[in-house]
Amino acid sequence: MSDWKRTTKEVPLEGLRPEMVVAIKNHLKQYSLGAVLFDALMCVQTDSEKVKKGLFGSAETVYMGVVVTPRWLMWAISGTKMQTAVLSAQLRDVVVQDYAQTQFAKMIPDIGIQVSGRFTDASDNISAFIGLDDSVVGRKFKEIVIQAVQDAKK
């Protein structure tokens, strides 16, 4: 069982939290990516609340906005204990797996996708977890991203 209670909903890109929209626009400018998000296949926002455990556990909320296009995956993350950050990757440069199929899921159960490969702002290959809920929207997004990665590599 995950330490997080997640809610995933489909939203338009401009419907993400305001700090995420600003951070994504800044990321696009910083890396001269242009209008790579104009043909979005799907955009979701997942709100994650950390389940407080024990006497010294503390509550935390993390917000993640994710958009997938036929060529790009971009996500912004913000929360009560962090500054807003954005990561992006061309789909041809990454592998996306259902997190439940990874070796990490045995140690840390959760729901979402694992993204591994070369990200826009990194020279080395890295991995990132994108949490989703197990709703129709969460499952649909997972399927769309995995399919988009396969299609981008054809």
C-alpha atoms as a PDB file:
ATOM      1  CA  MET A   1       0.000   0.000   0.000  1.00  0.00           C
ATOM      2  CA  SER A   2       1.305   3.418  -0.980  1.00  0.00           C
ATOM      3  CA  ASP A   3       2.135   6.136   1.543  1.00  0.00           C
ATOM      4  CA  TRP A   4       0.216   8.506  -0.748  1.00  0.00           C
ATOM      5  CA  LYS A   5      -3.486   9.050  -1.445  1.00  0.00           C
ATOM      6  CA  ARG A   6      -3.723  10.243  -5.057  1.00  0.00           C
ATOM      7  CA  THR A   7      -6.441  11.861  -7.162  1.00  0.00           C
ATOM      8  CA  THR A   8      -5.877  12.199 -10.922  1.00  0.00           C
ATOM      9  CA  LYS A   9      -8.100  14.323 -13.136  1.00  0.00           C
ATOM     10  CA  GLU A  10      -7.924  15.303 -16.799  1.00  0.00           C
ATOM     11  CA  VAL A  11      -7.502  19.048 -17.331  1.00  0.00           C
ATOM     12  CA  PRO A  12      -6.529  21.388 -20.173  1.00  0.00           C
ATOM     13  CA  LEU A  13      -2.920  22.581 -19.983  1.00  0.00           C
ATOM     14  CA  GLU A  14      -4.040  26.029 -18.839  1.00  0.00           C
ATOM     15  CA  GLY A  15      -6.211  24.324 -16.180  1.00  0.00           C
ATOM     16  CA  LEU A  16      -3.169  23.167 -14.201  1.00  0.00           C
ATOM     17  CA  ARG A  17      -2.247  25.010 -11.010  1.00  0.00           C
ATOM     18  CA  PRO A  18      -1.056  28.537 -11.903  1.00  0.00           C
ATOM     19  CA  GLU A  19       2.490  27.996 -10.597  1.00  0.00           C
ATOM     20  CA  MET A  20       2.802  24.920 -12.834  1.00  0.00           C
ATOM     21  CA  VAL A  21       1.628  26.781 -15.948  1.00  0.00           C
ATOM     22  CA  VAL A  22       4.193  29.546 -15.300  1.00  0.00           C
ATOM     23  CA  ALA A  23       6.975  27.004 -14.650  1.00  0.00           C
ATOM     24  CA  ILE A  24       6.150  25.058 -17.833  1.00  0.00           C
ATOM     25  CA  LYS A  25       6.202  28.262 -19.923  1.00  0.00           C
ATOM     26  CA  ASN A  26       9.557  29.196 -18.371  1.00  0.00           C
ATOM     27  CA  HIS A  27      10.919  25.700 -19.090  1.00  0.00           C
ATOM     28  CA  LEU A  28       9.838  25.974 -22.733  1.00  0.00           C
ATOM     29  CA  LYS A  29      11.656  29.328 -23.038  1.00  0.00           C
ATOM     30  CA  GLN A  30      14.756  28.233 -21.095  1.00  0.00           C
ATOM     31  CA  TYR A  31      15.362  25.223 -23.353  1.00  0.00           C
ATOM     32  CA  SER A  32      14.080  26.887 -26.575  1.00  0.00           C
ATOM     33  CA  LEU A  33      11.507  24.152 -27.066  1.00  0.00           C
ATOM     34  CA  GLY A  34       8.966  26.336 -28.852  1.00  0.00           C
ATOM     35  CA  ALA A  35       5.354  25.211 -29.181  1.00  0.00           C
ATOM     36  CA  VAL A  36       5.962  21.515 -28.462  1.00  0.00           C
ATOM     37  CA  LEU A  37       2.784  21.203 -26.388  1.00  0.00           C
ATOM     38  CA  PHE A  38       0.309  22.508 -28.985  1.00  0.00           C
ATOM     39  CA  ASP A  39      -0.799  18.986 -30.001  1.00  0.00           C
ATOM     40  CA  ALA A  40      -1.293  17.525 -26.538  1.00  0.00           C
ATOM     41  CA  LEU A  41      -2.798  14.041 -26.479  1.00  0.00           C
ATOM     42  CA  MET A  42      -3.774  14.377 -22.820  1.00  0.00           C
ATOM     43  CA  CYS A  43      -3.018  16.514 -19.779  1.00  0.00           C
ATOM     44  CA  VAL A  44      -3.646  15.435 -16.189  1.00  0.00           C
ATOM     45  CA  GLN A  45      -3.133  16.768 -12.703  1.00  0.00           C
ATOM     46  CA  THR A  46      -2.520  14.406  -9.816  1.00  0.00           C
ATOM     47  CA  ASP A  47      -2.889  15.677  -6.261  1.00  0.00           C
ATOM     48  CA  SER A  48      -1.077  13.458  -3.763  1.00  0.00           C
ATOM     49  CA  GLU A  49      -1.549  13.627  -0.019  1.00  0.00           C
ATOM     50  CA  LYS A  50       0.999  11.862   2.146  1.00  0.00           C
ATOM     51  CA  VAL A  51      -0.633   9.586   4.665  1.00  0.00           C
ATOM     52  CA  LYS A  52       0.543  10.695   8.108  1.00  0.00           C
ATOM     53  CA  LYS A  53       2.206   7.821   9.918  1.00  0.00           C
ATOM     54  CA  GLY A  54       3.048   7.682  13.575  1.00  0.00           C
ATOM     55  CA  LEU A  55       3.576  10.462  16.068  1.00  0.00           C
ATOM     56  CA  PHE A  56       6.327  12.230  14.119  1.00  0.00           C
ATOM     57  CA  GLY A  57       4.925  11.817  10.608  1.00  0.00           C
ATOM     58  CA  SER A  58       3.917  15.027   8.912  1.00  0.00           C
ATOM     59  CA  ALA A  59       1.280  15.791   6.345  1.00  0.00           C
ATOM     60  CA  GLU A  60       2.377  16.814   2.866  1.00  0.00           C
ATOM     61  CA  THR A  61       0.620  17.563  -0.408  1.00  0.00           C
ATOM     62  CA  VAL A  62       2.299  17.240  -3.806  1.00  0.00           C
ATOM     63  CA  TYR A  63       0.764  18.414  -7.076  1.00  0.00           C
ATOM     64  CA  MET A  64       1.904  17.075 -10.429  1.00  0.00           C
ATOM     65  CA  GLY A  65       0.751  18.246 -13.835  1.00  0.00           C
ATOM     66  CA  VAL A  66       1.706  16.072 -16.806  1.00  0.00           C
ATOM     67  CA  VAL A  67       1.182  16.586 -20.530  1.00  0.00           C
ATOM     68  CA  VAL A  68       1.965  14.121 -23.306  1.00  0.00           C
ATOM     69  CA  THR A  69       2.154  14.922 -27.012  1.00  0.00           C
ATOM     70  CA  PRO A  70       3.096  12.635 -29.903  1.00  0.00           C
ATOM     71  CA  ARG A  71       6.751  13.624 -29.346  1.00  0.00           C
ATOM     72  CA  TRP A  72       7.105  15.004 -25.781  1.00  0.00           C
ATOM     73  CA  LEU A  73       6.380  14.252 -22.141  1.00  0.00           C
ATOM     74  CA  MET A  74       6.539  17.218 -19.765  1.00  0.00           C
ATOM     75  CA  TRP A  75       5.623  17.403 -16.118  1.00  0.00           C
ATOM     76  CA  ALA A  76       5.603  20.026 -13.398  1.00  0.00           C
ATOM     77  CA  ILE A  77       5.670  19.281  -9.705  1.00  0.00           C
ATOM     78  CA  SER A  78       4.915  21.552  -6.770  1.00  0.00           C
ATOM     79  CA  GLY A  79       3.889  21.065  -3.196  1.00  0.00           C
ATOM     80  CA  THR A  80       3.662  22.231   0.360  1.00  0.00           C
ATOM     81  CA  LYS A  81       7.318  21.369   1.044  1.00  0.00           C
ATOM     82  CA  MET A  82       8.960  22.089  -2.337  1.00  0.00           C
ATOM     83  CA  GLN A  83       9.459  24.674  -5.027  1.00  0.00           C
ATOM     84  CA  THR A  84       7.894  24.128  -8.434  1.00  0.00           C
ATOM     85  CA  ALA A  85      10.092  22.226 -10.898  1.00  0.00           C
ATOM     86  CA  VAL A  86       9.609  21.015 -14.466  1.00  0.00           C
ATOM     87  CA  LEU A  87      11.093  18.038 -16.319  1.00  0.00           C
ATOM     88  CA  SER A  88      10.665  17.097 -19.959  1.00  0.00           C
ATOM     89  CA  ALA A  89      11.836  14.484 -22.427  1.00  0.00           C
ATOM     90  CA  GLN A  90      11.396  13.612 -26.051  1.00  0.00           C
ATOM     91  CA  LEU A  91       9.537  10.318 -26.173  1.00  0.00           C
ATOM     92  CA  ARG A  92      12.119   8.785 -28.514  1.00  0.00           C
ATOM     93  CA  ASP A  93      14.743   9.260 -25.758  1.00  0.00           C
ATOM     94  CA  VAL A  94      12.916   7.494 -22.909  1.00  0.00           C
ATOM     95  CA  VAL A  95      11.402   4.213 -21.834  1.00  0.00           C
ATOM     96  CA  VAL A  96       8.088   4.404 -19.981  1.00  0.00           C
ATOM     97  CA  GLN A  97       6.839   1.491 -17.880  1.00  0.00           C
ATOM     98  CA  ASP A  98       3.816   0.868 -15.759  1.00  0.00           C
ATOM     99  CA  TYR A  99       5.367   1.329 -12.308  1.00  0.00           C
ATOM    100  CA  ALA A 100       3.680  -1.887 -11.105  1.00  0.00           C
ATOM    101  CA  GLN A 101       5.907  -3.813 -13.575  1.00  0.00           C
ATOM    102  CA  THR A 102       9.195  -2.408 -12.186  1.00  0.00           C
ATOM    103  CA  GLN A 103      11.428  -3.951  -9.528  1.00  0.00           C
ATOM    104  CA  PHE A 104      10.828  -0.883  -7.325  1.00  0.00           C
ATOM    105  CA  ALA A 105       7.129  -1.705  -6.972  1.00  0.00           C
ATOM    106  CA  LYS A 106       7.982  -4.775  -4.890  1.00  0.00           C
ATOM    107  CA  MET A 107       9.828  -2.589  -2.369  1.00  0.00           C
ATOM    108  CA  ILE A 108       7.666   0.548  -2.541  1.00  0.00           C
ATOM    109  CA  PRO A 109       4.115  -0.176  -3.750  1.00  0.00           C
ATOM    110  CA  ASP A 110       2.505   2.646  -5.712  1.00  0.00           C
ATOM    111  CA  ILE A 111       0.603   3.443  -8.916  1.00  0.00           C
ATOM    112  CA  GLY A 112       1.946   5.426 -11.847  1.00  0.00           C
ATOM    113  CA  ILE A 113       4.630   5.319 -14.520  1.00  0.00           C
ATOM    114  CA  GLN A 114       8.416   5.092 -14.407  1.00  0.00           C
ATOM    115  CA  VAL A 115      10.200   7.254 -16.997  1.00  0.00           C
ATOM    116  CA  SER A 116      13.854   6.402 -17.735  1.00  0.00           C
ATOM    117  CA  GLY A 117      16.230   7.876 -20.270  1.00  0.00           C
ATOM    118  CA  ARG A 118      17.582  11.231 -21.366  1.00  0.00           C
ATOM    119  CA  PHE A 119      15.668  14.267 -20.134  1.00  0.00           C
ATOM    120  CA  THR A 120      15.905  17.742 -21.671  1.00  0.00           C
ATOM    121  CA  ASP A 121      18.011  19.224 -18.874  1.00  0.00           C
ATOM    122  CA  ALA A 122      20.312  16.258 -18.174  1.00  0.00           C
ATOM    123  CA  SER A 123      23.285  14.837 -20.022  1.00  0.00           C
ATOM    124  CA  ASP A 124      23.081  11.441 -18.311  1.00  0.00           C
ATOM    125  CA  ASN A 125      20.198   8.992 -18.338  1.00  0.00           C
ATOM    126  CA  ILE A 126      17.972   9.300 -15.281  1.00  0.00           C
ATOM    127  CA  SER A 127      14.655   7.975 -13.993  1.00  0.00           C
ATOM    128  CA  ALA A 128      11.579   9.641 -12.586  1.00  0.00           C
ATOM    129  CA  PHE A 129       8.330   8.389 -11.083  1.00  0.00           C
ATOM    130  CA  ILE A 130       5.034  10.007 -12.059  1.00  0.00           C
ATOM    131  CA  GLY A 131       2.298   9.091  -9.592  1.00  0.00           C
ATOM    132  CA  LEU A 132      -1.260   8.492 -10.775  1.00  0.00           C
ATOM    133  CA  ASP A 133      -4.383   7.122  -9.182  1.00  0.00           C
ATOM    134  CA  ASP A 134      -6.114   3.914 -10.267  1.00  0.00           C
ATOM    135  CA  SER A 135      -9.138   5.695 -11.759  1.00  0.00           C
ATOM    136  CA  VAL A 136     -10.303   5.552 -15.374  1.00  0.00           C
ATOM    137  CA  VAL A 137      -8.378   8.802 -16.015  1.00  0.00           C
ATOM    138  CA  GLY A 138      -5.155   7.504 -14.417  1.00  0.00           C
ATOM    139  CA  ARG A 139      -5.286   4.233 -16.369  1.00  0.00           C
ATOM    140  CA  LYS A 140      -6.145   6.026 -19.634  1.00  0.00           C
ATOM    141  CA  PHE A 141      -3.230   8.427 -19.214  1.00  0.00           C
ATOM    142  CA  LYS A 142      -0.829   5.572 -18.508  1.00  0.00           C
ATOM    143  CA  GLU A 143      -1.967   3.770 -21.669  1.00  0.00           C
ATOM    144  CA  ILE A 144      -1.717   6.906 -23.823  1.00  0.00           C
ATOM    145  CA  VAL A 145       1.822   7.675 -22.646  1.00  0.00           C
ATOM    146  CA  ILE A 146       3.071   4.108 -23.187  1.00  0.00           C
ATOM    147  CA  GLN A 147       1.488   4.015 -26.654  1.00  0.00           C
ATOM    148  CA  ALA A 148       2.874   7.455 -27.563  1.00  0.00           C
ATOM    149  CA  VAL A 149       6.406   6.313 -26.643  1.00  0.00           C
ATOM    150  CA  GLN A 150       6.032   3.213 -28.829  1.00  0.00           C
ATOM    151  CA  ASP A 151       4.702   5.312 -31.727  1.00  0.00           C
ATOM    152  CA  ALA A 152       7.496   7.908 -31.376  1.00  0.00           C
ATOM    153  CA  LYS A 153      10.128   5.184 -31.827  1.00  0.00           C
ATOM    154  CA  LYS A 154       8.701   3.880 -35.128  1.00  0.00           C
END
